[in-house]
Amino acid sequence: MEKLSVAIPSSALINETNEKIKIYKLGIIARALAIFRVEEVVIYRDPVLDETDLIKEVFEYLETPQYLRKELIPLSENLKFVGVIPPLAIPSHKSKHLKIGELREGVVKRVAPDGTRWVDIGVGALAPLKCEDPRGARVTVRVVSKTPLLVEKAKPEEYWGYKVRKAELEEVLRRKDAIVTSRKGKVPRPEEVRKGTFVFGNPKEGVPEIMKRMGIEMSVETWNTIPMQGVRTVRLEEAVLCTLAIVNFLSFRGGLE
């Protein structure tokens, strides 16, 4: 199955000076990623403004289950306004009420002398787990028993969240599935629409303009996913939502799910 990825620039918030608004806009984008089951979000470096760390920290915080955040997410000034963002409420964000057979995210809290890992899955007590993961690692487990608490390694079959990574723009554009989004691109026919790595610009410049400024000369498939737009510029969070909605709808209609 094709993977759905989104790439945004480190200058994604270039128009914003209010720190709370910056976080809120990142929350809108994160919600779009979750709604349309994006598996990977890439932050590519733009020399004009490099807020990679801020964007990455917020995205990773939102994707992490609430009960694991204290263990996995360090205290950071970048996260002081995350309370303005609605939760993602993705399947991996479980409540404290355990169900036999359910999958949960956990973190390895300690390693016993016999090699047993003891994992926090958000219910107070630690669960023993046979695995090779080091202390502090995030793991996905299935609840085998509640009394005693027993879990086993598992792999989710439903959407479980996105991964966040950093990259250079040229690296992203060299991907075989890269698709630049721009009002200068072609309007794809319905049968052409597919999953891939969708590359977005910032609120001031589209991807072609950023490429030109950075001296990148490459031929990359370019789509206009919002033809006949009724506004001067489409904001990044709007472009992400519109593009992913179209891909989701036409992929579903085409039987790609």
Protein backbone atom coordinates (compact mmCIF):
# COMPACT_ATOMS: atom_id res chain seq x y z
CA MET A 1 0.00 0.00 0.00
CA GLU A 2 1.27 3.47 -0.87
CA LYS A 3 2.40 5.67 2.01
CA LEU A 4 0.98 9.14 2.56
CA SER A 5 3.53 11.78 3.60
CA VAL A 6 3.47 15.56 3.95
CA ALA A 7 6.50 17.87 3.75
CA ILE A 8 6.37 21.43 5.08
CA PRO A 9 9.13 24.04 5.37
CA SER A 10 10.83 25.17 8.56
CA SER A 11 9.48 28.62 7.55
CA ALA A 12 5.86 27.41 7.76
CA LEU A 13 5.06 30.03 10.43
CA ILE A 14 6.90 32.91 8.79
CA ASN A 15 3.87 35.24 8.88
CA GLU A 16 3.19 34.75 12.58
CA THR A 17 4.73 36.70 15.45
CA ASN A 18 2.33 35.66 18.21
CA GLU A 19 3.64 32.47 19.84
CA LYS A 20 0.18 31.24 20.78
CA ILE A 21 -1.10 31.62 17.21
CA LYS A 22 1.94 29.72 15.93
CA ILE A 23 1.09 26.77 18.15
CA TYR A 24 -2.58 26.92 17.22
CA LYS A 25 -1.75 26.80 13.48
CA LEU A 26 0.52 23.81 14.02
CA GLY A 27 -2.40 22.19 15.80
CA ILE A 28 -4.64 22.69 12.75
CA ILE A 29 -2.02 21.03 10.54
CA ALA A 30 -1.52 18.16 13.00
CA ARG A 31 -5.28 17.56 13.09
CA ALA A 32 -5.32 17.41 9.27
CA LEU A 33 -2.47 14.87 9.32
CA ALA A 34 -4.41 12.69 11.75
CA ILE A 35 -7.80 13.07 10.06
CA PHE A 36 -6.42 11.84 6.74
CA ARG A 37 -4.07 9.20 8.22
CA VAL A 38 -0.77 10.73 7.19
CA GLU A 39 2.04 8.36 8.19
CA GLU A 40 4.97 10.77 7.98
CA VAL A 41 5.47 14.51 8.23
CA VAL A 42 8.80 15.88 7.00
CA ILE A 43 10.10 19.32 7.98
CA TYR A 44 12.50 20.55 5.35
CA ARG A 45 15.00 23.28 6.17
CA ASP A 46 14.38 26.73 4.71
CA PRO A 47 17.31 29.16 5.40
CA VAL A 48 14.91 32.12 5.51
CA LEU A 49 13.48 30.88 8.84
CA ASP A 50 14.46 27.68 10.58
CA GLU A 51 11.87 26.80 13.22
CA THR A 52 12.33 23.07 12.68
CA ASP A 53 12.73 22.29 16.39
CA LEU A 54 9.55 24.15 17.36
CA ILE A 55 7.47 22.44 14.66
CA LYS A 56 8.93 19.00 15.40
CA GLU A 57 8.41 19.28 19.17
CA VAL A 58 4.77 20.32 18.81
CA PHE A 59 3.93 17.62 16.26
CA GLU A 60 5.62 14.90 18.34
CA TYR A 61 3.94 16.09 21.54
CA LEU A 62 0.49 15.94 19.95
CA GLU A 63 1.07 12.48 18.46
CA THR A 64 2.28 10.99 21.77
CA PRO A 65 -0.42 9.45 24.01
CA GLN A 66 -1.17 11.72 26.96
CA TYR A 67 -0.04 9.19 29.58
CA LEU A 68 3.42 8.89 27.99
CA ARG A 69 4.20 12.56 27.50
CA LYS A 70 5.96 13.07 30.84
CA GLU A 71 8.23 10.12 30.08
CA LEU A 72 8.96 10.82 26.41
CA ILE A 73 8.65 14.59 25.94
CA PRO A 74 11.17 16.83 27.78
CA LEU A 75 9.98 20.10 29.29
CA SER A 76 10.34 22.83 26.67
CA GLU A 77 9.53 26.50 26.23
CA ASN A 78 8.19 25.56 22.79
CA LEU A 79 5.32 23.65 24.38
CA LYS A 80 3.99 26.24 26.81
CA PHE A 81 0.93 27.03 24.66
CA VAL A 82 0.00 23.50 23.54
CA GLY A 83 -3.10 23.74 25.71
CA VAL A 84 -4.79 25.82 22.98
CA ILE A 85 -4.75 22.83 20.60
CA PRO A 86 -7.55 20.25 20.60
CA PRO A 87 -6.32 16.66 21.12
CA LEU A 88 -5.74 14.44 18.09
CA ALA A 89 -7.82 11.62 19.59
CA ILE A 90 -6.20 9.02 17.33
CA PRO A 91 -6.60 5.27 18.06
CA SER A 92 -3.29 5.07 19.94
CA HIS A 93 -4.54 7.59 22.52
CA LYS A 94 -6.22 5.17 24.92
CA SER A 95 -8.01 5.80 28.22
CA LYS A 96 -6.90 4.26 31.53
CA HIS A 97 -9.59 1.57 31.26
CA LEU A 98 -7.90 -1.58 29.99
CA LYS A 99 -9.54 -4.05 27.64
CA ILE A 100 -8.24 -7.54 26.97
CA GLY A 101 -6.86 -7.72 23.45
CA GLU A 102 -6.52 -3.98 22.89
CA LEU A 103 -3.32 -2.41 21.61
CA ARG A 104 -1.64 0.33 23.61
CA GLU A 105 1.50 2.42 23.44
CA GLY A 106 3.98 2.00 26.25
CA VAL A 107 7.45 3.04 27.32
CA VAL A 108 10.15 0.78 28.76
CA LYS A 109 10.70 2.03 32.32
CA ARG A 110 13.30 -0.48 33.50
CA VAL A 111 15.20 -3.60 32.50
CA ALA A 112 15.38 -6.45 35.03
CA PRO A 113 18.57 -8.52 35.54
CA ASP A 114 16.95 -11.42 33.66
CA GLY A 115 16.33 -9.14 30.65
CA THR A 116 12.59 -8.66 31.23
CA ARG A 117 11.43 -5.19 30.27
CA TRP A 118 8.89 -3.47 32.53
CA VAL A 119 6.62 -1.22 30.55
CA ASP A 120 4.37 1.71 31.51
CA ILE A 121 1.14 1.49 29.49
CA GLY A 122 -0.68 4.24 31.39
CA VAL A 123 -2.47 2.28 34.12
CA GLY A 124 -0.18 2.80 37.12
CA ALA A 125 1.30 -0.71 37.36
CA LEU A 126 4.12 -1.77 35.08
CA ALA A 127 3.70 -4.72 32.72
CA PRO A 128 6.45 -7.31 32.01
CA LEU A 129 7.40 -7.60 28.35
CA LYS A 130 9.77 -9.89 26.49
CA CYS A 131 11.63 -7.69 24.01
CA GLU A 132 15.05 -6.23 23.25
CA ASP A 133 14.13 -2.56 23.40
CA PRO A 134 16.25 -0.33 25.67
CA ARG A 135 15.04 1.67 28.64
CA GLY A 136 13.09 4.74 27.45
CA ALA A 137 12.00 3.13 24.17
CA ARG A 138 8.43 3.50 22.97
CA VAL A 139 6.73 0.19 22.21
CA THR A 140 3.35 -1.01 20.97
CA VAL A 141 1.83 -3.87 22.95
CA ARG A 142 -1.33 -5.96 23.16
CA VAL A 143 -3.00 -6.49 26.55
CA VAL A 144 -3.05 -10.25 27.19
CA SER A 145 -4.28 -10.21 30.78
CA LYS A 146 -5.45 -7.66 33.33
CA THR A 147 -4.89 -9.73 36.47
CA PRO A 148 -1.98 -10.24 36.43
CA LEU A 149 -1.08 -7.49 34.00
CA LEU A 150 0.54 -9.10 30.98
CA VAL A 151 1.32 -7.70 27.53
CA GLU A 152 3.03 -8.80 24.34
CA LYS A 153 4.64 -6.97 21.43
CA ALA A 154 2.12 -6.14 18.70
CA LYS A 155 1.78 -4.29 15.42
CA PRO A 156 -1.27 -2.06 14.86
CA GLU A 157 -3.48 -2.76 11.87
CA GLU A 158 -5.35 0.56 12.06
CA TYR A 159 -4.01 4.10 11.74
CA TRP A 160 -1.74 4.67 14.73
CA GLY A 161 -0.23 8.12 14.18
CA TYR A 162 2.55 9.82 12.22
CA LYS A 163 6.32 9.94 12.45
CA VAL A 164 8.18 13.26 12.32
CA ARG A 165 11.54 13.72 10.64
CA LYS A 166 13.86 16.46 9.43
CA ALA A 167 15.26 16.69 5.90
CA GLU A 168 16.73 18.96 3.27
CA LEU A 169 14.36 20.11 0.52
CA GLU A 170 16.44 18.54 -2.24
CA GLU A 171 16.32 15.21 -0.42
CA VAL A 172 12.52 15.37 -0.27
CA LEU A 173 12.19 16.34 -3.94
CA ARG A 174 14.35 13.39 -5.00
CA ARG A 175 11.79 10.95 -3.67
CA LYS A 176 10.14 8.98 -6.47
CA ASP A 177 6.69 9.77 -5.04
CA ALA A 178 7.30 13.52 -4.48
CA ILE A 179 4.49 15.82 -5.63
CA VAL A 180 4.87 19.58 -5.29
CA THR A 181 1.69 21.54 -4.58
CA SER A 182 1.48 24.90 -6.32
CA ARG A 183 -1.09 27.10 -8.07
CA LYS A 184 1.34 26.98 -11.02
CA GLY A 185 0.99 23.22 -11.32
CA LYS A 186 -1.39 21.19 -13.45
CA VAL A 187 -4.83 20.21 -12.21
CA PRO A 188 -4.58 16.41 -11.98
CA ARG A 189 -7.26 14.23 -13.49
CA PRO A 190 -9.15 12.12 -10.92
CA GLU A 191 -7.49 8.93 -12.14
CA GLU A 192 -4.05 10.53 -11.62
CA VAL A 193 -4.63 11.34 -7.97
CA ARG A 194 -2.68 9.03 -5.69
CA LYS A 195 -0.87 8.92 -2.40
CA GLY A 196 2.70 10.15 -2.17
CA THR A 197 4.90 12.79 -0.52
CA PHE A 198 3.09 16.11 -0.89
CA VAL A 199 5.45 19.08 -0.63
CA PHE A 200 4.09 22.45 0.50
CA GLY A 201 5.57 25.94 0.55
CA ASN A 202 5.28 28.64 3.19
CA PRO A 203 2.64 31.42 3.40
CA LYS A 204 4.85 33.81 1.39
CA GLU A 205 6.40 31.54 -1.24
CA GLY A 206 5.35 28.43 -3.08
CA VAL A 207 7.70 25.48 -3.47
CA PRO A 208 8.89 26.60 -6.96
CA GLU A 209 9.89 30.01 -5.52
CA ILE A 210 11.68 28.39 -2.57
CA MET A 211 13.51 26.05 -4.96
CA LYS A 212 14.62 28.98 -7.13
CA ARG A 213 15.82 30.95 -4.11
CA MET A 214 17.80 27.93 -2.87
CA GLY A 215 19.30 27.23 -6.30
CA ILE A 216 17.57 23.87 -6.69
CA GLU A 217 16.92 22.93 -10.30
CA MET A 218 14.88 19.76 -10.55
CA SER A 219 11.91 18.55 -12.50
CA VAL A 220 9.22 17.45 -10.04
CA GLU A 221 5.57 16.63 -10.69
CA THR A 222 3.51 19.65 -9.61
CA TRP A 223 -0.23 19.72 -8.87
CA ASN A 224 -2.68 22.53 -8.36
CA THR A 225 -5.14 20.97 -5.92
CA ILE A 226 -7.16 24.17 -5.46
CA PRO A 227 -7.98 25.40 -8.99
CA MET A 228 -9.92 28.64 -9.42
CA GLN A 229 -9.14 29.72 -5.85
CA GLY A 230 -11.23 32.66 -4.73
CA VAL A 231 -8.57 34.28 -2.53
CA ARG A 232 -5.19 35.86 -3.31
CA THR A 233 -3.27 33.25 -1.35
CA VAL A 234 -4.19 29.95 0.25
CA ARG A 235 -2.70 29.54 3.71
CA LEU A 236 -0.52 26.54 4.43
CA GLU A 237 -2.94 24.92 6.86
CA GLU A 238 -5.74 25.39 4.30
CA ALA A 239 -3.67 23.92 1.48
CA VAL A 240 -2.81 20.87 3.58
CA LEU A 241 -6.46 20.27 4.46
CA CYS A 242 -7.70 20.76 0.88
CA THR A 243 -5.04 18.56 -0.69
CA LEU A 244 -5.40 15.71 1.77
CA ALA A 245 -9.20 15.79 1.50
CA ILE A 246 -9.02 15.40 -2.28
CA VAL A 247 -6.47 12.59 -2.08
CA ASN A 248 -8.49 10.83 0.61
CA PHE A 249 -11.76 11.01 -1.32
CA LEU A 250 -10.39 9.94 -4.67
CA SER A 251 -8.19 7.22 -3.15
CA PHE A 252 -11.24 5.80 -1.38
CA ARG A 253 -13.28 5.94 -4.56
CA GLY A 254 -10.44 4.22 -6.38
CA GLY A 255 -10.23 1.39 -3.86
CA LEU A 256 -6.75 2.22 -2.58
CA GLU A 257 -7.66 1.90 1.09
